[in-house]
Amino acid sequence: MHELLTAKPGSKRLLLGNEAIVRGALEAGISFATTYPGTPSSEIGDNFYLISQETDLYFEYSVNEKIALELAFGACLTGARSMCSMKHLGLNYAGDPLSTMPYVGVEGGMVIVSAGDPSAITSPNEQDQRHFSHFLYYPVFDPATVPDALEMTRCAFELSENTRLPVIMRPTTRVCHTSSVVELGALDLTKREVGFVKDPGRYVPIPLNVRRMRKELTQRYRLAEEL
């Protein structure tokens, strides 16, 4: 089986930053993952693909970042914990659903991994996705090390559910493609009940609903700051 599935809690492993993110998601009990691959985030999706062949994790290489994001968001509305991964440029491509998702809010925790590329090592430009925090009301985790990446991923799902906000994880190229020794936690193998209940006032962001959602969004963002 995949090493990220068999490594025991409390053991130490040499992991790539992207592998640490995958392990953190597994420790958080992820059940749905999508990606549009792009360096420096590609190994996240590649590892989820391999793991999906050995478990009941749902994984998809989507046709673009927007579709990947919408699928992961749809899954989280059923109560599943979901992750969508891409590089920094992809977050712009997914900007339409990205802008409205915090208003609607999540049910299961949702983490959006958007790998940044300072110095344009593998990309045509630099961007700083941390500006999405105050711009669109997203909590943003900015790991500085590989152990940070594992722990922040695990914590991001909890923060997402506590605030009903999707969370952006912004590892950079140096974190994604650095190997470091990390101490592993326990895998969360809990089978969560999932199911979608229609609630137009809760899930349909027409202006009448959005004006109410906007007030709630400010409150949830303040809670995220406190936490």
Protein backbone atom coordinates (compact mmCIF):
# COMPACT_ATOMS: atom_id res chain seq x y z
CA MET A 1 0.00 0.00 0.00
CA HIS A 2 0.96 3.63 -0.38
CA GLU A 3 3.47 4.77 2.24
CA LEU A 4 1.25 7.68 3.27
CA LEU A 5 -1.40 5.12 4.24
CA THR A 6 0.86 2.66 6.06
CA ALA A 7 3.17 5.00 8.02
CA LYS A 8 2.30 4.67 11.72
CA PRO A 9 1.23 7.59 13.94
CA GLY A 10 4.16 8.99 15.89
CA SER A 11 6.69 7.74 13.36
CA LYS A 12 8.96 10.10 11.50
CA ARG A 13 9.21 10.16 7.73
CA LEU A 14 11.09 12.15 5.12
CA LEU A 15 8.33 13.71 3.06
CA LEU A 16 8.11 16.17 0.21
CA GLY A 17 6.05 19.21 1.13
CA ASN A 18 3.28 18.13 -1.23
CA GLU A 19 3.30 14.66 0.33
CA ALA A 20 2.97 16.24 3.76
CA ILE A 21 -0.15 18.09 2.58
CA VAL A 22 -1.66 14.82 1.39
CA ARG A 23 -0.83 13.10 4.67
CA GLY A 24 -2.33 16.01 6.62
CA ALA A 25 -5.53 15.69 4.61
CA LEU A 26 -5.65 11.94 5.29
CA GLU A 27 -5.17 12.61 8.99
CA ALA A 28 -8.10 15.03 8.79
CA GLY A 29 -10.38 12.42 7.21
CA ILE A 30 -10.61 13.68 3.63
CA SER A 31 -12.91 11.69 1.36
CA PHE A 32 -13.04 13.77 -1.86
CA ALA A 33 -10.15 15.32 -3.79
CA THR A 34 -9.88 17.06 -7.15
CA THR A 35 -7.09 18.81 -9.03
CA TYR A 36 -6.04 20.52 -12.18
CA PRO A 37 -2.33 19.69 -12.08
CA GLY A 38 0.23 22.46 -12.27
CA THR A 39 3.71 22.74 -10.82
CA PRO A 40 4.45 23.22 -7.96
CA SER A 41 1.23 21.51 -6.80
CA SER A 42 1.22 18.47 -9.13
CA GLU A 43 2.42 15.83 -6.66
CA ILE A 44 -0.63 16.44 -4.47
CA GLY A 45 -2.98 15.17 -7.11
CA ASP A 46 -0.62 12.40 -8.21
CA ASN A 47 -0.47 10.99 -4.68
CA PHE A 48 -4.23 11.27 -4.20
CA TYR A 49 -4.69 9.36 -7.46
CA LEU A 50 -2.53 6.49 -6.21
CA ILE A 51 -4.28 6.47 -2.84
CA SER A 52 -7.70 6.45 -4.51
CA GLN A 53 -6.75 3.15 -6.18
CA GLU A 54 -6.35 1.55 -2.74
CA THR A 55 -9.13 3.23 -0.74
CA ASP A 56 -12.64 4.61 -1.20
CA LEU A 57 -11.30 8.17 -1.57
CA TYR A 58 -12.91 9.85 -4.59
CA PHE A 59 -10.32 11.55 -6.79
CA GLU A 60 -10.55 13.34 -10.12
CA TYR A 61 -8.19 15.09 -12.51
CA SER A 62 -10.61 17.78 -13.66
CA VAL A 63 -10.64 19.47 -17.07
CA ASN A 64 -9.81 22.84 -15.49
CA GLU A 65 -9.47 24.54 -12.11
CA LYS A 66 -13.00 25.96 -12.08
CA ILE A 67 -14.55 22.51 -12.49
CA ALA A 68 -12.21 21.04 -9.88
CA LEU A 69 -13.21 23.73 -7.40
CA GLU A 70 -16.94 23.40 -8.05
CA LEU A 71 -16.81 19.62 -7.63
CA ALA A 72 -14.97 19.86 -4.32
CA PHE A 73 -17.39 22.52 -3.10
CA GLY A 74 -20.37 20.40 -4.08
CA ALA A 75 -18.91 17.49 -2.14
CA CYS A 76 -18.37 19.56 0.98
CA LEU A 77 -22.04 20.64 0.91
CA THR A 78 -22.95 16.99 1.52
CA GLY A 79 -20.80 16.94 4.67
CA ALA A 80 -17.73 15.34 3.07
CA ARG A 81 -14.30 16.78 3.76
CA SER A 82 -12.84 17.82 0.42
CA MET A 83 -9.69 19.29 -1.10
CA CYS A 84 -9.01 20.98 -4.41
CA SER A 85 -5.42 21.60 -5.55
CA MET A 86 -3.90 23.79 -8.27
CA LYS A 87 -1.11 26.30 -8.80
CA HIS A 88 -1.47 30.01 -8.16
CA LEU A 89 -2.55 30.86 -11.71
CA GLY A 90 -5.47 28.45 -11.43
CA LEU A 91 -7.06 30.37 -8.60
CA ASN A 92 -7.79 33.18 -11.06
CA TYR A 93 -9.37 30.75 -13.53
CA ALA A 94 -11.64 29.50 -10.73
CA GLY A 95 -12.46 33.05 -9.64
CA ASP A 96 -16.19 32.91 -10.41
CA PRO A 97 -17.21 30.19 -7.91
CA LEU A 98 -14.36 31.21 -5.59
CA SER A 99 -15.98 34.61 -5.06
CA THR A 100 -19.37 33.28 -3.96
CA MET A 101 -18.43 30.16 -1.98
CA PRO A 102 -17.69 31.98 1.31
CA TYR A 103 -21.19 33.51 1.20
CA VAL A 104 -22.86 30.11 0.88
CA GLY A 105 -20.47 28.45 3.34
CA VAL A 106 -19.46 24.83 3.76
CA GLU A 107 -20.84 21.82 5.61
CA GLY A 108 -17.84 19.48 5.60
CA GLY A 109 -14.43 21.13 5.79
CA MET A 110 -12.98 22.30 2.47
CA VAL A 111 -9.36 23.20 1.75
CA ILE A 112 -8.19 24.85 -1.48
CA VAL A 113 -4.47 24.30 -2.06
CA SER A 114 -3.14 27.01 -4.38
CA ALA A 115 0.63 26.61 -4.62
CA GLY A 116 2.49 29.89 -5.04
CA ASP A 117 5.67 30.37 -7.04
CA PRO A 118 7.81 33.27 -5.76
CA SER A 119 10.71 34.03 -8.13
CA ALA A 120 8.69 32.46 -11.00
CA ILE A 121 10.66 29.20 -10.82
CA THR A 122 8.06 27.20 -12.77
CA SER A 123 5.57 29.87 -13.85
CA PRO A 124 5.21 32.83 -16.21
CA ASN A 125 4.54 35.25 -13.33
CA GLU A 126 4.39 35.68 -9.56
CA GLN A 127 1.20 36.17 -7.58
CA ASP A 128 0.45 36.46 -3.88
CA GLN A 129 -2.78 34.61 -3.12
CA ARG A 130 -2.75 35.83 0.49
CA HIS A 131 -4.61 38.91 -0.76
CA PHE A 132 -7.66 36.71 -1.25
CA SER A 133 -8.06 36.67 2.53
CA HIS A 134 -9.39 40.21 3.01
CA PHE A 135 -10.56 40.47 -0.60
CA LEU A 136 -12.97 37.50 -0.52
CA TYR A 137 -13.06 36.57 3.21
CA TYR A 138 -10.93 33.43 3.11
CA PRO A 139 -8.77 32.21 5.98
CA VAL A 140 -5.32 31.59 4.47
CA PHE A 141 -2.67 29.22 5.79
CA ASP A 142 0.87 30.09 4.68
CA PRO A 143 3.20 27.21 5.65
CA ALA A 144 6.88 28.06 5.95
CA THR A 145 8.17 24.48 6.36
CA VAL A 146 7.18 20.94 5.47
CA PRO A 147 6.03 20.16 9.06
CA ASP A 148 3.94 23.35 8.87
CA ALA A 149 2.31 22.03 5.71
CA LEU A 150 1.23 18.80 7.40
CA GLU A 151 -0.06 20.38 10.59
CA MET A 152 -1.74 23.35 8.90
CA THR A 153 -3.56 21.06 6.46
CA ARG A 154 -4.93 19.00 9.32
CA CYS A 155 -5.99 22.13 11.22
CA ALA A 156 -7.43 23.82 8.13
CA PHE A 157 -10.28 21.31 7.91
CA GLU A 158 -11.22 21.97 11.54
CA LEU A 159 -11.13 25.74 11.03
CA SER A 160 -13.23 25.38 7.89
CA GLU A 161 -15.97 23.49 9.68
CA ASN A 162 -15.88 25.74 12.77
CA THR A 163 -16.36 28.87 10.64
CA ARG A 164 -18.20 27.34 7.65
CA LEU A 165 -15.59 29.04 5.45
CA PRO A 166 -13.48 27.35 2.77
CA VAL A 167 -9.79 27.69 3.65
CA ILE A 168 -6.95 28.49 1.24
CA MET A 169 -3.60 26.76 1.76
CA ARG A 170 -0.72 28.60 0.09
CA PRO A 171 2.48 26.54 0.05
CA THR A 172 5.24 27.98 -2.11
CA THR A 173 7.55 26.13 -4.49
CA ARG A 174 10.28 25.90 -1.83
CA VAL A 175 7.84 24.25 0.58
CA CYS A 176 6.14 22.01 -2.01
CA HIS A 177 9.45 20.67 -3.36
CA THR A 178 11.53 20.52 -0.20
CA SER A 179 11.91 17.24 1.68
CA SER A 180 11.94 17.30 5.46
CA VAL A 181 11.46 14.96 8.40
CA VAL A 182 7.96 15.18 9.85
CA GLU A 183 6.23 13.42 12.73
CA LEU A 184 2.99 11.83 11.62
CA GLY A 185 -0.35 11.89 13.36
CA ALA A 186 -3.13 9.32 13.28
CA LEU A 187 -5.16 8.74 10.15
CA ASP A 188 -8.83 9.62 10.47
CA LEU A 189 -10.68 6.64 9.02
CA THR A 190 -14.10 7.74 10.32
CA LYS A 191 -16.89 7.19 7.82
CA ARG A 192 -18.87 10.41 7.87
CA GLU A 193 -22.51 10.41 6.90
CA VAL A 194 -23.06 12.47 3.78
CA GLY A 195 -26.17 13.69 2.06
CA PHE A 196 -27.57 16.86 0.54
CA VAL A 197 -30.72 18.52 1.87
CA LYS A 198 -32.33 21.14 -0.36
CA ASP A 199 -32.46 24.57 1.27
CA PRO A 200 -32.75 27.40 -1.30
CA GLY A 201 -32.43 30.10 1.33
CA ARG A 202 -29.14 28.57 2.43
CA TYR A 203 -27.62 27.50 -0.88
CA VAL A 204 -29.00 29.79 -3.62
CA PRO A 205 -27.11 33.11 -3.69
CA ILE A 206 -29.71 35.34 -5.33
CA PRO A 207 -29.54 38.97 -4.14
CA LEU A 208 -32.29 38.55 -1.52
CA ASN A 209 -30.34 35.74 0.12
CA VAL A 210 -26.92 37.26 -0.49
CA ARG A 211 -27.65 40.36 1.55
CA ARG A 212 -28.34 38.16 4.56
CA MET A 213 -25.37 35.92 3.78
CA ARG A 214 -23.09 38.96 3.63
CA LYS A 215 -23.79 39.84 7.28
CA GLU A 216 -23.24 36.24 8.35
CA LEU A 217 -20.03 36.10 6.31
CA THR A 218 -18.53 39.03 8.23
CA GLN A 219 -19.33 37.31 11.52
CA ARG A 220 -17.78 34.02 10.41
CA TYR A 221 -14.65 35.77 9.16
CA ARG A 222 -14.25 37.50 12.52
CA LEU A 223 -14.58 34.12 14.21
CA ALA A 224 -11.81 32.78 11.96
CA GLU A 225 -9.57 35.69 13.04
CA GLU A 226 -10.25 34.93 16.70
CA LEU A 227 -9.57 31.21 16.27
